[in-house]
Protein backbone atom coordinates (compact mmCIF):
# COMPACT_ATOMS: atom_id res chain seq x y z
CA MET A 1 25.41 50.15 18.28
CA ALA A 2 25.01 50.86 14.64
CA ALA A 3 27.36 47.91 13.63
CA PHE A 4 25.19 45.95 16.18
CA LEU A 5 21.84 47.06 14.72
CA GLN A 6 23.27 46.40 11.50
CA THR A 7 24.39 42.73 11.32
CA ARG A 8 21.49 41.42 13.51
CA THR A 9 18.92 42.85 11.70
CA LEU A 10 19.82 42.44 8.32
CA HIS A 11 20.13 39.02 8.10
CA LEU A 12 17.94 38.41 11.01
CA ILE A 13 14.76 40.44 10.19
CA LYS A 14 13.08 39.76 7.09
CA ARG A 15 9.73 39.69 5.58
CA PRO A 16 6.83 39.05 7.80
CA ARG A 17 9.31 37.13 10.27
CA LEU A 18 9.85 40.52 11.69
CA LEU A 19 7.00 40.24 13.40
CA ASP A 20 7.56 37.29 15.12
CA PRO A 21 7.50 37.57 18.83
CA LEU A 22 11.59 38.32 20.19
CA SER A 23 11.95 34.46 20.94
CA SER A 24 12.06 33.50 17.87
CA LEU A 25 15.09 35.58 16.80
CA SER A 26 17.88 33.79 18.71
CA PRO A 27 20.75 36.07 19.21
CA PHE A 28 18.33 39.27 20.10
CA ALA A 29 16.63 36.64 22.66
CA ARG A 30 20.40 35.42 23.85
CA TYR A 31 21.95 39.40 24.22
CA PHE A 32 18.44 40.88 25.71
CA ASN A 33 17.80 37.92 28.05
CA THR A 34 21.58 38.45 29.66
CA ILE A 35 21.31 42.22 30.39
CA ALA A 36 17.48 42.86 31.07
CA ALA A 37 15.21 40.74 33.03
CA ALA A 38 11.62 40.81 33.45
CA HIS A 39 10.78 42.32 37.15
CA GLN A 40 7.40 41.43 38.43
CA HIS A 41 7.49 43.62 41.68
CA PRO A 42 8.64 46.87 42.21
CA ASP A 43 11.36 48.16 45.11
CA PRO A 44 9.60 48.64 48.66
CA GLU A 45 11.89 51.04 49.38
CA GLY A 46 9.88 53.45 46.90
CA GLN A 47 11.37 54.34 43.01
CA SER A 48 13.43 56.96 41.45
CA SER A 49 13.29 57.78 38.17
CA PHE A 50 15.36 58.99 34.74
CA SER A 51 14.25 61.36 32.55
CA PHE A 52 16.00 63.82 30.09
CA GLY A 53 14.80 67.19 29.25
CA ASP A 54 15.96 70.77 29.36
CA GLY A 55 16.92 70.76 33.08
CA GLY A 56 16.09 74.79 32.63
CA ASN A 57 19.37 74.97 31.63
CA SER A 58 20.69 74.58 28.08
CA GLY A 59 23.98 75.04 29.09
CA CYS A 60 24.66 72.23 30.87
CA ASP A 61 25.10 68.97 30.27
CA ALA A 62 25.27 67.45 33.63
CA ILE A 63 22.98 64.32 34.54
CA LEU A 64 20.62 64.99 37.39
CA VAL A 65 19.57 61.44 39.13
CA LYS A 66 16.80 61.34 41.96
CA GLY A 67 17.78 59.37 44.94
CA PRO A 68 15.48 56.93 45.99
CA ASN A 69 11.89 57.99 47.83
CA SER A 70 12.13 56.51 51.15
CA GLY A 71 13.15 59.92 53.46
CA PRO A 72 11.17 63.09 54.11
CA LYS A 73 11.65 65.51 50.67
CA ARG A 74 14.18 67.84 50.88
CA GLU A 75 13.26 71.58 50.67
CA GLY A 76 13.86 72.97 47.40
CA GLY A 77 15.30 69.49 45.83
CA SER A 78 14.49 68.78 42.08
CA SER A 79 11.11 66.72 41.77
CA SER A 80 12.26 65.28 38.59
CA VAL A 81 14.91 63.80 37.06
CA THR A 82 16.55 65.74 33.63
CA MET A 83 18.82 64.84 30.85
CA PRO A 84 20.12 67.67 28.67
CA MET A 85 18.38 68.06 25.62
CA SER A 86 21.69 67.58 24.06
CA PHE A 87 20.30 63.97 24.53
CA MET A 88 18.90 64.34 21.52
CA THR A 89 21.72 65.31 19.47
CA GLY A 90 24.86 63.59 18.65
CA SER A 91 26.61 64.74 21.49
CA ILE A 92 28.07 62.59 24.89
CA VAL A 93 25.96 63.09 27.49
CA GLY A 94 27.66 62.97 30.50
CA LYS A 95 28.93 59.38 32.23
CA ARG A 96 27.44 56.23 33.23
CA PHE A 97 25.90 56.28 36.71
CA TYR A 98 23.88 53.09 36.36
CA LYS A 99 25.45 49.37 37.09
CA GLN A 100 22.59 46.90 35.89
CA VAL A 101 19.59 47.56 33.01
CA THR A 102 16.54 45.61 33.69
CA THR A 103 13.00 45.34 32.73
CA ARG A 104 9.98 45.01 34.57
CA GLN A 105 5.72 45.30 34.27
CA SER A 106 4.42 48.68 34.75
CA ASP A 107 3.04 49.52 37.96
CA ASP A 108 -0.57 49.79 36.46
CA GLY A 109 0.53 46.32 34.70
CA ASN A 110 -0.18 48.07 31.39
CA GLY A 111 3.21 48.22 29.27
CA TRP A 112 6.67 47.46 30.29
CA SER A 113 9.25 50.13 31.53
CA VAL A 114 13.06 49.79 31.94
CA MET A 115 14.92 50.05 35.02
CA LEU A 116 18.89 51.47 35.23
CA ASP A 117 19.43 49.98 38.84
CA TYR A 118 16.28 51.06 40.95
CA ARG A 119 15.24 54.12 38.36
CA THR A 120 12.44 53.81 36.13
CA LEU A 121 13.35 55.33 32.90
CA LYS A 122 11.17 58.06 31.62
CA THR A 123 10.43 60.35 28.58
CA PRO A 124 11.66 63.73 27.91
CA SER A 125 8.13 65.10 29.75
CA LYS A 126 8.96 63.40 32.82
CA ARG A 127 6.48 60.52 32.10
CA ALA A 128 7.37 56.89 32.65
CA LEU A 129 8.35 55.03 29.42
CA LYS A 130 5.77 52.74 29.04
CA LEU A 131 6.54 50.30 26.54
CA PRO A 132 3.61 47.97 24.82
CA THR A 133 5.69 44.88 24.85
CA LEU A 134 8.48 42.97 26.79
CA SER A 135 10.26 42.67 23.17
CA LEU A 136 10.71 45.95 22.54
CA ALA A 137 11.55 47.07 26.53
CA LYS A 138 14.35 44.46 26.40
CA ALA A 139 15.51 45.61 23.53
CA ILE A 140 15.73 49.62 24.76
CA ALA A 141 17.16 48.51 27.76
CA ALA A 142 19.88 46.94 25.67
CA GLU A 143 20.95 49.98 24.32
CA TRP A 144 21.48 51.29 27.80
CA ASP A 145 23.38 48.33 29.16
CA TYR A 146 25.20 48.92 25.86
CA GLN A 147 26.68 52.55 26.92
CA GLN A 148 30.30 52.85 27.88
CA THR A 149 31.38 53.99 31.36
CA ASP A 150 32.88 57.35 30.10
CA GLY A 151 29.71 58.70 28.80
CA ILE A 152 26.26 57.65 27.63
CA ARG A 153 25.77 58.23 23.58
CA PRO A 154 22.61 58.61 22.16
CA PHE A 155 23.02 58.25 18.39
CA THR A 156 23.51 54.37 19.72
CA MET A 157 20.33 54.51 20.53
CA PRO A 158 17.86 54.47 17.89
CA LEU A 159 15.05 52.85 19.43
CA MET A 160 15.05 54.87 22.84
CA ARG A 161 14.42 57.81 20.41
CA LEU A 162 11.76 56.19 18.40
CA ALA A 163 10.26 55.06 21.56
CA CYS A 164 9.77 58.63 22.72
CA THR A 165 8.76 59.43 19.37
CA ALA A 166 5.48 57.06 19.36
CA LEU A 167 4.95 57.86 22.85
CA GLU A 168 5.03 61.88 23.18
CA ARG A 169 5.34 63.58 19.74
CA VAL A 170 2.77 61.17 17.51
CA PRO A 171 -0.44 61.71 19.83
CA VAL A 172 0.00 65.45 19.82
CA THR A 173 1.31 66.10 16.19
CA ARG A 174 -0.37 63.08 14.81
CA PRO A 175 -2.10 65.05 12.09
CA LYS A 176 1.10 67.35 11.22
CA ILE A 177 3.00 63.86 10.70
CA VAL A 178 0.01 62.48 8.14
CA ASP A 179 0.28 65.99 6.68
CA ASN A 180 3.51 66.56 6.31
CA LEU A 181 4.04 62.78 4.94
CA MET A 182 1.26 63.61 1.98
CA ARG A 183 2.67 66.81 1.31
CA LYS A 184 5.89 65.48 -0.34
CA PHE A 185 3.82 62.86 -1.35
CA ASN A 186 3.58 63.43 -5.08
CA GLN A 187 7.58 63.92 -5.13
CA ASP A 188 8.07 60.62 -4.12
CA LEU A 189 11.35 59.22 -5.37
CA VAL A 190 9.78 56.11 -7.31
CA PHE A 191 8.10 58.45 -8.87
CA CYS A 192 10.75 60.14 -10.19
CA ARG A 193 11.92 58.27 -13.58
CA ALA A 194 15.41 58.94 -15.58
CA PRO A 195 14.94 59.99 -18.87
CA TRP A 196 15.30 56.76 -21.50
CA ASP A 197 16.14 58.55 -24.50
CA ASN A 198 19.55 60.76 -23.15
CA ASN A 199 23.07 58.37 -22.66
CA LEU A 200 23.88 59.63 -19.52
CA THR A 201 21.10 58.19 -17.88
CA SER A 202 19.78 55.55 -19.85
CA GLY A 203 21.55 52.90 -17.35
CA VAL A 204 19.57 54.34 -14.63
CA TYR A 205 16.33 54.17 -16.64
CA ASP A 206 17.04 50.73 -17.54
CA ARG A 207 17.66 50.01 -13.55
CA GLN A 208 15.05 51.98 -12.41
CA VAL A 209 12.44 49.85 -14.91
CA GLN A 210 13.57 46.92 -13.51
CA LYS A 211 13.61 47.22 -9.95
CA ILE A 212 10.82 50.09 -8.97
CA ASP A 213 8.20 49.09 -11.72
CA PRO A 214 7.19 45.83 -9.69
CA LEU A 215 6.69 48.13 -6.15
CA LEU A 216 4.52 50.30 -8.72
CA ASP A 217 2.70 47.47 -9.97
CA TRP A 218 2.17 46.13 -5.99
CA VAL A 219 0.63 49.78 -5.14
CA LYS A 220 -1.78 49.11 -8.00
CA THR A 221 -2.85 45.53 -6.97
CA GLU A 222 -2.35 47.27 -3.17
CA PHE A 223 -4.80 50.36 -3.40
CA GLY A 224 -6.30 50.37 -6.94
CA PHE A 225 -4.21 53.51 -8.57
CA LYS A 226 -1.54 52.69 -10.43
CA PRO A 227 1.01 56.02 -9.40
CA VAL A 228 2.54 58.13 -12.61
CA VAL A 229 5.83 58.59 -12.57
CA TYR A 230 7.44 61.28 -14.32
CA SER A 231 11.10 62.71 -15.77
CA SER A 232 11.40 65.07 -13.02
CA PHE A 233 12.85 66.08 -9.70
CA PHE A 234 9.24 67.98 -8.88
CA GLY A 235 7.16 64.67 -9.63
CA GLY A 236 4.18 65.59 -10.95
CA LYS A 237 0.03 65.13 -9.60
CA GLN A 238 -0.97 61.21 -8.23
CA ASP A 239 -4.65 59.87 -8.86
CA GLU A 240 -6.71 61.68 -6.26
CA GLY A 241 -7.79 58.16 -5.45
CA LEU A 242 -3.77 56.78 -4.49
CA VAL A 243 -3.64 59.99 -2.05
CA LYS A 244 -6.78 59.23 -0.26
CA ALA A 245 -6.47 55.71 -0.13
CA MET A 246 -2.41 56.32 1.20
CA GLU A 247 -3.56 59.14 3.63
CA LYS A 248 -6.51 56.78 4.46
CA LEU A 249 -3.80 54.15 5.88
CA LEU A 250 -1.70 57.03 7.50
CA LYS A 251 -4.68 57.82 10.05
CA ILE A 252 -5.74 54.36 11.02
CA THR A 253 -1.72 53.43 11.84
CA SER A 254 -0.55 53.25 15.87
CA ASP A 255 1.51 55.55 16.88
CA CYS A 256 4.06 53.46 17.26
CA GLU A 257 3.63 52.22 13.34
CA LEU A 258 3.37 55.86 12.30
CA ALA A 259 6.34 56.45 14.17
CA ALA A 260 7.98 53.75 12.09
CA ILE A 261 6.65 55.14 9.36
CA ASP A 262 7.56 58.58 9.46
CA ALA A 263 11.28 57.63 10.41
CA LEU A 264 11.75 55.79 7.24
CA ALA A 265 10.04 57.94 5.06
CA ALA A 266 12.71 60.33 5.86
CA ALA A 267 15.60 57.73 5.47
CA SER A 268 14.17 56.89 2.49
CA HIS A 269 12.56 60.28 0.40
CA SER A 270 9.78 57.59 0.06
CA LEU A 271 6.20 56.97 1.03
CA VAL A 272 5.91 53.92 -1.22
CA ILE A 273 8.68 52.50 0.16
CA SER A 274 8.36 53.05 3.53
CA VAL A 275 4.73 51.47 3.35
CA GLY A 276 5.95 48.56 1.23
CA ILE A 277 7.83 48.02 4.30
CA PHE A 278 5.29 48.45 6.90
CA ARG A 279 2.35 46.04 4.64
CA GLY A 280 5.36 43.14 4.40
CA ARG A 281 6.35 43.60 0.44
CA LEU A 282 9.66 45.17 1.00
CA ASP A 283 12.40 43.57 3.13
CA ILE A 284 15.14 45.50 4.41
CA GLU A 285 17.95 44.61 1.89
CA GLU A 286 15.31 45.21 -1.01
CA ALA A 287 13.93 48.82 0.55
CA ILE A 288 17.72 49.76 0.62
CA GLU A 289 18.81 48.43 -2.75
CA LEU A 290 15.53 50.72 -3.72
CA ILE A 291 16.79 53.61 -2.45
CA ARG A 292 20.13 53.88 -3.30
CA LEU A 293 19.74 52.75 -6.72
CA GLU A 294 20.76 55.45 -8.74
CA GLU A 295 23.72 56.38 -6.40
CA ASP A 296 25.20 52.76 -6.37
CA LEU A 297 25.06 52.63 -10.23
CA GLN A 298 27.06 55.98 -9.76
CA VAL A 299 29.81 54.69 -7.22
CA HIS A 300 29.84 51.31 -9.27
CA LYS A 301 31.01 53.46 -12.75
CA TRP A 302 33.42 55.98 -10.55
CA GLY A 303 34.47 54.46 -7.62
CA LEU A 304 33.35 55.19 -4.27
CA VAL A 305 34.65 57.75 -2.09
CA GLU A 306 35.90 56.54 1.43
CA GLY A 307 34.67 58.21 4.45
CA GLY A 308 31.92 59.63 2.67
CA HIS A 309 29.74 57.17 0.45
CA ASP A 310 30.43 54.54 2.86
CA LEU A 311 29.16 56.72 5.74
CA ASP A 312 25.89 56.88 3.76
CA ILE A 313 25.45 53.60 3.43
CA ALA A 314 26.09 52.70 6.80
CA ASP A 315 24.04 55.51 8.32
CA LEU A 316 21.17 54.54 6.03
CA LYS A 317 21.11 50.96 7.10
CA VAL A 318 21.28 51.53 10.46
CA GLN A 319 17.84 53.94 10.21
CA VAL A 320 16.27 51.33 8.18
CA SER A 321 16.71 48.29 10.33
CA SER A 322 16.04 50.16 13.69
CA ALA A 323 13.01 51.65 12.02
CA VAL A 324 11.89 47.89 10.82
CA VAL A 325 13.17 46.22 14.34
CA PHE A 326 11.12 49.01 15.93
CA LEU A 327 7.81 48.65 14.18
CA GLY A 328 8.41 44.48 14.59
CA LEU A 329 8.54 44.49 18.01
CA SER A 330 5.77 46.91 19.37
CA LYS A 331 3.55 44.55 17.69
CA PHE A 332 5.19 41.80 19.67
């Protein structure tokens, strides 16, 4: 799935086009439509469901699946479908227990659901996974359909994780997420400037001026305050007006938008780069270039360590690309 997201998104999801409807992304549309058809009517025999949680047993990795609600409930039977919390890690969780993945409109007509056979996919808190757009539902359906018969691999489903974050974590912890992002703002990656008068870092400084200064000029145009750069890993204090403008922007975002910005900031160590992507100033490749600017110079000088730098690059591309795709598909 990492390879799929990387190769598809890096050359198809660009600038404002990433906000186009999924139908305009023909490779995505063909792939998703072959595995996720929108269903308009519920199963007349009653619905079952699938979700994940701790299941009351942190030591068990079994997947518990609830059957159709077509008969009397057994005494002592499970009233929910659970998956172990190892779903949120890199572990392989159980075997694939479903054959077909489809999408359908939610019963209340507000949002879209993903179906694993006759089961409705649920969130960790056992609520129906109700997605804002059909495009996003089909993309998450694609992730589930990608799973192999020998096991479900959560680390190949970044869109599913972002959806659960947006639907469950953001609504209840929004102030904490905003506070955490703003607490790190003064140490933003783009505010840290290499010393210009040091032979060891002069090349880095020149590259930062060339690549990062245009982004800082955009911040001044967009928010009315130009950021201050510092030759320190600890950054420095920014203009209070810029801090308030950034905080105001975060507070008015939707849950899906804030989840995507938070994921981008975690990957990039930069709220400015994340907001640049969100506002359409940066595309995926430009953002990755800025994030890796200093390390890429070191790789160019000293060489790439196989099994180290290459994996870091691939992981970064997946994190950034999946957040950008999630941001775009949650709108259309």
